[in-house]
């Protein structure tokens, strides 16, 4: 059975500021996995990312007050989220 199945992995990332993207690109290069960037439907602004503001978009998402859509990379067996 060896060689009959092709298993493919993917590195999934979301990076509003670019920091996570840099790390994810390095991990994808080392692992040889494809890289899939999760992009928000509505791009984040600096105001959205102000974690010190209890009413900011990012704060509301982290506290679970706003639903986030998760990707469904169903063609991959073991997605690795950053």
Protein backbone atom coordinates (compact mmCIF):
# COMPACT_ATOMS: atom_id res chain seq x y z
CA UNK A 1 0.00 0.00 0.00
CA UNK A 2 2.97 2.29 0.34
CA UNK A 3 2.90 5.12 -2.19
CA UNK A 4 -0.76 4.58 -3.05
CA UNK A 5 -2.04 7.62 -1.21
CA UNK A 6 -0.75 11.17 -1.47
CA UNK A 7 -1.20 13.01 1.82
CA UNK A 8 -0.82 16.76 1.63
CA UNK A 9 -0.55 19.20 4.50
CA UNK A 10 -1.09 22.92 4.53
CA UNK A 11 -0.02 25.79 6.76
CA UNK A 12 -2.90 28.22 7.27
CA UNK A 13 -2.27 31.72 8.49
CA UNK A 14 -4.03 34.92 9.35
CA UNK A 15 -1.86 37.96 9.84
CA UNK A 16 -3.38 41.41 10.28
CA UNK A 17 -0.01 43.11 10.81
CA UNK A 18 2.42 40.83 8.96
CA UNK A 19 4.19 39.34 11.98
CA UNK A 20 2.49 35.95 11.78
CA UNK A 21 2.95 35.86 8.01
CA UNK A 22 6.74 36.07 8.34
CA UNK A 23 6.81 33.11 10.73
CA UNK A 24 4.31 31.10 8.67
CA UNK A 25 6.35 31.59 5.50
CA UNK A 26 9.47 30.29 7.26
CA UNK A 27 7.59 27.25 8.61
CA UNK A 28 6.11 26.50 5.18
CA UNK A 29 9.57 26.72 3.59
CA UNK A 30 11.06 24.33 6.15
CA UNK A 31 8.14 21.88 6.16
CA UNK A 32 7.53 21.95 2.42
CA UNK A 33 3.80 22.48 3.05
CA UNK A 34 1.61 24.77 1.00
CA UNK A 35 0.77 28.11 2.59
CA UNK A 36 -2.84 29.29 2.72
CA UNK A 37 -3.56 32.85 3.82
CA UNK A 38 -6.89 33.49 5.50
CA UNK A 39 -8.08 36.95 4.45
CA UNK A 40 -10.89 38.82 6.18
CA UNK A 41 -13.85 39.84 4.07
CA UNK A 42 -13.55 43.31 5.58
CA UNK A 43 -9.87 44.30 6.05
CA UNK A 44 -8.74 45.32 9.53
CA UNK A 45 -7.92 48.96 10.25
CA UNK A 46 -5.53 50.23 12.93
CA UNK A 47 -8.61 51.11 14.98
CA UNK A 48 -9.91 47.53 14.64
CA UNK A 49 -6.61 46.17 16.00
CA UNK A 50 -6.46 48.44 19.07
CA UNK A 51 -6.56 45.74 21.76
CA UNK A 52 -6.60 48.41 24.52
CA UNK A 53 -10.03 49.58 23.34
CA UNK A 54 -12.74 47.32 24.82
CA UNK A 55 -15.01 48.15 21.87
CA UNK A 56 -12.51 47.40 19.09
CA UNK A 57 -13.19 44.69 16.53
CA UNK A 58 -10.26 42.53 17.64
CA UNK A 59 -11.23 42.77 21.32
CA UNK A 60 -14.82 41.78 20.55
CA UNK A 61 -13.62 38.81 18.50
CA UNK A 62 -11.20 37.63 21.19
CA UNK A 63 -13.93 37.84 23.82
CA UNK A 64 -16.28 35.83 21.61
CA UNK A 65 -18.78 38.65 21.15
CA UNK A 66 -18.45 38.54 17.37
CA UNK A 67 -18.51 35.37 15.29
CA UNK A 68 -15.46 34.65 13.13
CA UNK A 69 -15.65 32.45 10.07
CA UNK A 70 -13.07 29.69 10.05
CA UNK A 71 -11.55 28.40 6.81
CA UNK A 72 -12.50 25.00 5.50
CA UNK A 73 -9.47 23.67 3.64
CA UNK A 74 -11.19 20.29 3.22
CA UNK A 75 -8.76 19.04 0.60
CA UNK A 76 -6.04 18.80 3.24
CA UNK A 77 -5.83 16.18 5.95
CA UNK A 78 -3.86 18.04 8.63
CA UNK A 79 -4.10 21.83 8.47
CA UNK A 80 -1.67 23.71 10.70
CA UNK A 81 -3.07 27.04 11.86
CA UNK A 82 -0.80 29.90 12.95
